Amino acid sequence: MKAASHALIGTMIAAKVGEPALAIGLSFASHFVADIIPHWDSGTHWREKTKIRLQLESVADVLTGFILSFILYGFILQTEAEIKAGPLLVFAAIIASQAPDWVTAPKFIFGRDFPGSEFMYQVQHKLNTKLDKPWGIVTQIVALTLLYLILFVIF
């Protein structure tokens, strides 16, 4: 899943849960659940990309995730009276939600092993379900919308 999608999921979890240990733990766990959903991301067709292109797309994706997350957080704050998460917790939840990809980045992008990178790569490789554009983007939008509705409209 796009790093931006993981970041938005972490933001919603932190904003709804509020308790730091639970919000960070759920944000981390959400990464694996989200990757099961068929999706498109910067790593799709990575063999056809140069390393520089893959690195630039990945960095842009992460930065976009932070920007969109804090826009979403501001929107949720405007509409929800019971938000218990401050910006620092939201930031930590974003990092936690993206952490599995960050651990695998040295191996995947640079070809270097980092403690835990091979293990995390193997776990993610088994769970990741790729789907090319446009449907791989549509599934992420639908999943994010459903999560928002469940967390902030239904409950």
C-alpha atoms as a PDB file:
ATOM      1  CA  MET A   1       0.000   0.000   0.000  1.00  0.00           C
ATOM      2  CA  LYS A   2       1.178   3.555  -0.574  1.00  0.00           C
ATOM      3  CA  ALA A   3       3.103   5.068   2.333  1.00  0.00           C
ATOM      4  CA  ALA A   4       0.558   7.885   2.211  1.00  0.00           C
ATOM      5  CA  SER A   5      -2.269   5.385   2.770  1.00  0.00           C
ATOM      6  CA  HIS A   6      -0.447   3.802   5.713  1.00  0.00           C
ATOM      7  CA  ALA A   7       0.096   7.295   7.168  1.00  0.00           C
ATOM      8  CA  LEU A   8      -3.594   8.177   6.836  1.00  0.00           C
ATOM      9  CA  ILE A   9      -4.563   4.916   8.544  1.00  0.00           C
ATOM     10  CA  GLY A  10      -2.151   5.634  11.410  1.00  0.00           C
ATOM     11  CA  THR A  11      -3.558   9.141  11.720  1.00  0.00           C
ATOM     12  CA  MET A  12      -7.126   7.892  11.976  1.00  0.00           C
ATOM     13  CA  ILE A  13      -6.168   5.254  14.535  1.00  0.00           C
ATOM     14  CA  ALA A  14      -4.288   7.767  16.699  1.00  0.00           C
ATOM     15  CA  ALA A  15      -7.083  10.327  16.474  1.00  0.00           C
ATOM     16  CA  LYS A  16      -9.702   7.777  17.495  1.00  0.00           C
ATOM     17  CA  VAL A  17      -7.762   5.777  20.109  1.00  0.00           C
ATOM     18  CA  GLY A  18      -5.755   8.513  21.814  1.00  0.00           C
ATOM     19  CA  GLU A  19      -3.870   6.195  24.188  1.00  0.00           C
ATOM     20  CA  PRO A  20      -0.236   6.237  22.974  1.00  0.00           C
ATOM     21  CA  ALA A  21       0.810   2.591  23.416  1.00  0.00           C
ATOM     22  CA  LEU A  22      -2.415   1.258  21.912  1.00  0.00           C
ATOM     23  CA  ALA A  23      -2.477   3.795  19.063  1.00  0.00           C
ATOM     24  CA  ILE A  24       1.139   3.115  18.106  1.00  0.00           C
ATOM     25  CA  GLY A  25       0.722  -0.670  18.385  1.00  0.00           C
ATOM     26  CA  LEU A  26      -2.462  -0.669  16.314  1.00  0.00           C
ATOM     27  CA  SER A  27      -0.870   1.640  13.737  1.00  0.00           C
ATOM     28  CA  PHE A  28       2.069  -0.754  13.375  1.00  0.00           C
ATOM     29  CA  ALA A  29      -0.231  -3.787  13.086  1.00  0.00           C
ATOM     30  CA  SER A  30      -2.450  -1.977  10.587  1.00  0.00           C
ATOM     31  CA  HIS A  31       0.422  -1.973   8.107  1.00  0.00           C
ATOM     32  CA  PHE A  32       0.212  -5.730   7.632  1.00  0.00           C
ATOM     33  CA  VAL A  33      -3.583  -5.785   7.422  1.00  0.00           C
ATOM     34  CA  ALA A  34      -3.571  -2.944   4.872  1.00  0.00           C
ATOM     35  CA  ASP A  35      -0.985  -4.689   2.701  1.00  0.00           C
ATOM     36  CA  ILE A  36      -3.331  -7.652   2.286  1.00  0.00           C
ATOM     37  CA  ILE A  37      -5.771  -5.380   0.431  1.00  0.00           C
ATOM     38  CA  PRO A  38      -4.930  -5.491  -3.294  1.00  0.00           C
ATOM     39  CA  HIS A  39      -3.136  -2.224  -4.030  1.00  0.00           C
ATOM     40  CA  TRP A  40      -0.739  -0.270  -6.199  1.00  0.00           C
ATOM     41  CA  ASP A  41       2.325   1.445  -4.709  1.00  0.00           C
ATOM     42  CA  SER A  42       5.761   2.733  -5.663  1.00  0.00           C
ATOM     43  CA  GLY A  43       7.132  -0.807  -5.505  1.00  0.00           C
ATOM     44  CA  THR A  44       4.739  -2.074  -8.179  1.00  0.00           C
ATOM     45  CA  HIS A  45       6.820  -2.879 -11.274  1.00  0.00           C
ATOM     46  CA  TRP A  46       9.974  -1.905  -9.365  1.00  0.00           C
ATOM     47  CA  ARG A  47      12.152  -3.959 -11.682  1.00  0.00           C
ATOM     48  CA  GLU A  48      11.222  -1.612 -14.538  1.00  0.00           C
ATOM     49  CA  LYS A  49      12.344   1.488 -12.600  1.00  0.00           C
ATOM     50  CA  THR A  50      15.781   2.898 -11.957  1.00  0.00           C
ATOM     51  CA  LYS A  51      16.880   2.980  -8.322  1.00  0.00           C
ATOM     52  CA  ILE A  52      16.833   6.791  -8.406  1.00  0.00           C
ATOM     53  CA  ARG A  53      13.240   6.831  -9.688  1.00  0.00           C
ATOM     54  CA  LEU A  54      12.163   4.320  -7.051  1.00  0.00           C
ATOM     55  CA  GLN A  55      13.886   6.338  -4.311  1.00  0.00           C
ATOM     56  CA  LEU A  56      12.339   9.640  -5.466  1.00  0.00           C
ATOM     57  CA  GLU A  57       8.859   8.120  -5.759  1.00  0.00           C
ATOM     58  CA  SER A  58       9.208   6.580  -2.307  1.00  0.00           C
ATOM     59  CA  VAL A  59      10.347   9.829  -0.681  1.00  0.00           C
ATOM     60  CA  ALA A  60       7.542  11.757  -2.412  1.00  0.00           C
ATOM     61  CA  ASP A  61       5.043   9.145  -1.202  1.00  0.00           C
ATOM     62  CA  VAL A  62       6.234   9.413   2.412  1.00  0.00           C
ATOM     63  CA  LEU A  63       6.171  13.225   2.355  1.00  0.00           C
ATOM     64  CA  THR A  64       2.726  13.242   0.742  1.00  0.00           C
ATOM     65  CA  GLY A  65       1.573  10.932   3.520  1.00  0.00           C
ATOM     66  CA  PHE A  66       2.714  13.352   6.214  1.00  0.00           C
ATOM     67  CA  ILE A  67       1.068  16.318   4.504  1.00  0.00           C
ATOM     68  CA  LEU A  68      -2.239  14.521   3.887  1.00  0.00           C
ATOM     69  CA  SER A  69      -2.217  13.068   7.394  1.00  0.00           C
ATOM     70  CA  PHE A  70      -1.931  16.418   9.084  1.00  0.00           C
ATOM     71  CA  ILE A  71      -4.606  17.865   6.784  1.00  0.00           C
ATOM     72  CA  LEU A  72      -6.861  14.929   7.742  1.00  0.00           C
ATOM     73  CA  TYR A  73      -5.956  15.382  11.412  1.00  0.00           C
ATOM     74  CA  GLY A  74      -6.941  19.065  11.199  1.00  0.00           C
ATOM     75  CA  PHE A  75     -10.201  18.106   9.518  1.00  0.00           C
ATOM     76  CA  ILE A  76     -10.983  15.488  12.156  1.00  0.00           C
ATOM     77  CA  LEU A  77     -10.187  18.013  14.895  1.00  0.00           C
ATOM     78  CA  GLN A  78     -12.635  20.421  13.313  1.00  0.00           C
ATOM     79  CA  THR A  79     -15.432  17.849  13.237  1.00  0.00           C
ATOM     80  CA  GLU A  80     -14.797  15.610  16.251  1.00  0.00           C
ATOM     81  CA  ALA A  81     -15.115  16.966  19.770  1.00  0.00           C
ATOM     82  CA  GLU A  82     -13.487  13.971  21.446  1.00  0.00           C
ATOM     83  CA  ILE A  83     -10.095  13.750  19.756  1.00  0.00           C
ATOM     84  CA  LYS A  84      -7.566  12.653  22.353  1.00  0.00           C
ATOM     85  CA  ALA A  85      -4.436  12.570  20.201  1.00  0.00           C
ATOM     86  CA  GLY A  86      -2.056  15.465  19.934  1.00  0.00           C
ATOM     87  CA  PRO A  87       0.208  16.096  16.948  1.00  0.00           C
ATOM     88  CA  LEU A  88       3.118  14.211  18.528  1.00  0.00           C
ATOM     89  CA  LEU A  89       1.051  11.038  18.906  1.00  0.00           C
ATOM     90  CA  VAL A  90      -0.197  11.407  15.345  1.00  0.00           C
ATOM     91  CA  PHE A  91       3.416  11.741  14.156  1.00  0.00           C
ATOM     92  CA  ALA A  92       4.409   8.622  16.115  1.00  0.00           C
ATOM     93  CA  ALA A  93       1.433   6.698  14.699  1.00  0.00           C
ATOM     94  CA  ILE A  94       2.422   7.691  11.158  1.00  0.00           C
ATOM     95  CA  ILE A  95       5.967   6.449  11.755  1.00  0.00           C
ATOM     96  CA  ALA A  96       4.647   3.216  13.291  1.00  0.00           C
ATOM     97  CA  SER A  97       2.233   2.644  10.403  1.00  0.00           C
ATOM     98  CA  GLN A  98       5.046   3.015   7.861  1.00  0.00           C
ATOM     99  CA  ALA A  99       7.782   1.326   9.935  1.00  0.00           C
ATOM    100  CA  PRO A 100       7.684  -2.113   8.271  1.00  0.00           C
ATOM    101  CA  ASP A 101       8.432  -0.485   4.906  1.00  0.00           C
ATOM    102  CA  TRP A 102      11.165   1.672   6.443  1.00  0.00           C
ATOM    103  CA  VAL A 103      12.839  -1.428   7.881  1.00  0.00           C
ATOM    104  CA  THR A 104      12.826  -3.119   4.466  1.00  0.00           C
ATOM    105  CA  ALA A 105      13.936  -0.007   2.525  1.00  0.00           C
ATOM    106  CA  PRO A 106      17.696  -0.584   2.924  1.00  0.00           C
ATOM    107  CA  LYS A 107      17.333  -4.082   1.468  1.00  0.00           C
ATOM    108  CA  PHE A 108      14.726  -3.264  -1.177  1.00  0.00           C
ATOM    109  CA  ILE A 109      16.113   0.033  -2.460  1.00  0.00           C
ATOM    110  CA  PHE A 110      19.823  -0.128  -1.662  1.00  0.00           C
ATOM    111  CA  GLY A 111      20.438  -3.884  -1.612  1.00  0.00           C
ATOM    112  CA  ARG A 112      21.851  -3.652   1.917  1.00  0.00           C
ATOM    113  CA  ASP A 113      20.775  -5.726   4.874  1.00  0.00           C
ATOM    114  CA  PHE A 114      19.769  -3.924   8.022  1.00  0.00           C
ATOM    115  CA  PRO A 115      18.954  -5.724  11.286  1.00  0.00           C
ATOM    116  CA  GLY A 116      15.479  -7.156  10.781  1.00  0.00           C
ATOM    117  CA  SER A 117      15.188  -6.065   7.152  1.00  0.00           C
ATOM    118  CA  GLU A 118      15.334  -9.570   5.684  1.00  0.00           C
ATOM    119  CA  PHE A 119      12.752 -10.891   8.162  1.00  0.00           C
ATOM    120  CA  MET A 120      10.422  -7.920   7.593  1.00  0.00           C
ATOM    121  CA  TYR A 121      10.860  -8.244   3.840  1.00  0.00           C
ATOM    122  CA  GLN A 122       9.853 -11.917   3.956  1.00  0.00           C
ATOM    123  CA  VAL A 123       6.779 -11.177   6.080  1.00  0.00           C
ATOM    124  CA  GLN A 124       5.665  -8.347   3.836  1.00  0.00           C
ATOM    125  CA  HIS A 125       6.412 -10.284   0.666  1.00  0.00           C
ATOM    126  CA  LYS A 126       3.988 -12.993   1.791  1.00  0.00           C
ATOM    127  CA  LEU A 127       1.236 -10.519   2.727  1.00  0.00           C
ATOM    128  CA  ASN A 128       1.560  -7.932  -0.040  1.00  0.00           C
ATOM    129  CA  THR A 129      -1.147  -8.135  -2.692  1.00  0.00           C
ATOM    130  CA  LYS A 130      -0.351  -6.002  -5.738  1.00  0.00           C
ATOM    131  CA  LEU A 131      -2.953  -4.621  -8.133  1.00  0.00           C
ATOM    132  CA  ASP A 132      -1.978  -2.311 -10.972  1.00  0.00           C
ATOM    133  CA  LYS A 133      -3.392   1.156 -11.608  1.00  0.00           C
ATOM    134  CA  PRO A 134      -6.125   2.323 -11.656  1.00  0.00           C
ATOM    135  CA  TRP A 135      -7.837  -0.371  -9.554  1.00  0.00           C
ATOM    136  CA  GLY A 136      -4.937  -0.602  -7.123  1.00  0.00           C
ATOM    137  CA  ILE A 137      -5.481   3.069  -6.281  1.00  0.00           C
ATOM    138  CA  VAL A 138      -9.265   2.699  -6.137  1.00  0.00           C
ATOM    139  CA  THR A 139      -8.996  -0.096  -3.543  1.00  0.00           C
ATOM    140  CA  GLN A 140      -6.902   2.164  -1.289  1.00  0.00           C
ATOM    141  CA  ILE A 141      -9.357   5.047  -1.570  1.00  0.00           C
ATOM    142  CA  VAL A 142     -12.252   2.717  -0.769  1.00  0.00           C
ATOM    143  CA  ALA A 143     -10.396   1.190   2.205  1.00  0.00           C
ATOM    144  CA  LEU A 144      -9.483   4.625   3.604  1.00  0.00           C
ATOM    145  CA  THR A 145     -13.036   5.886   3.153  1.00  0.00           C
ATOM    146  CA  LEU A 146     -14.498   2.810   4.857  1.00  0.00           C
ATOM    147  CA  LEU A 147     -12.067   3.136   7.769  1.00  0.00           C
ATOM    148  CA  TYR A 148     -12.965   6.809   8.192  1.00  0.00           C
ATOM    149  CA  LEU A 149     -16.696   6.012   8.114  1.00  0.00           C
ATOM    150  CA  ILE A 150     -16.294   3.177  10.616  1.00  0.00           C
ATOM    151  CA  LEU A 151     -14.151   5.167  13.062  1.00  0.00           C
ATOM    152  CA  PHE A 152     -15.721   8.609  12.855  1.00  0.00           C
ATOM    153  CA  VAL A 153     -19.240   8.239  11.489  1.00  0.00           C
ATOM    154  CA  ILE A 154     -20.511   4.872  12.700  1.00  0.00           C
ATOM    155  CA  PHE A 155     -18.673   4.744  16.062  1.00  0.00           C
END
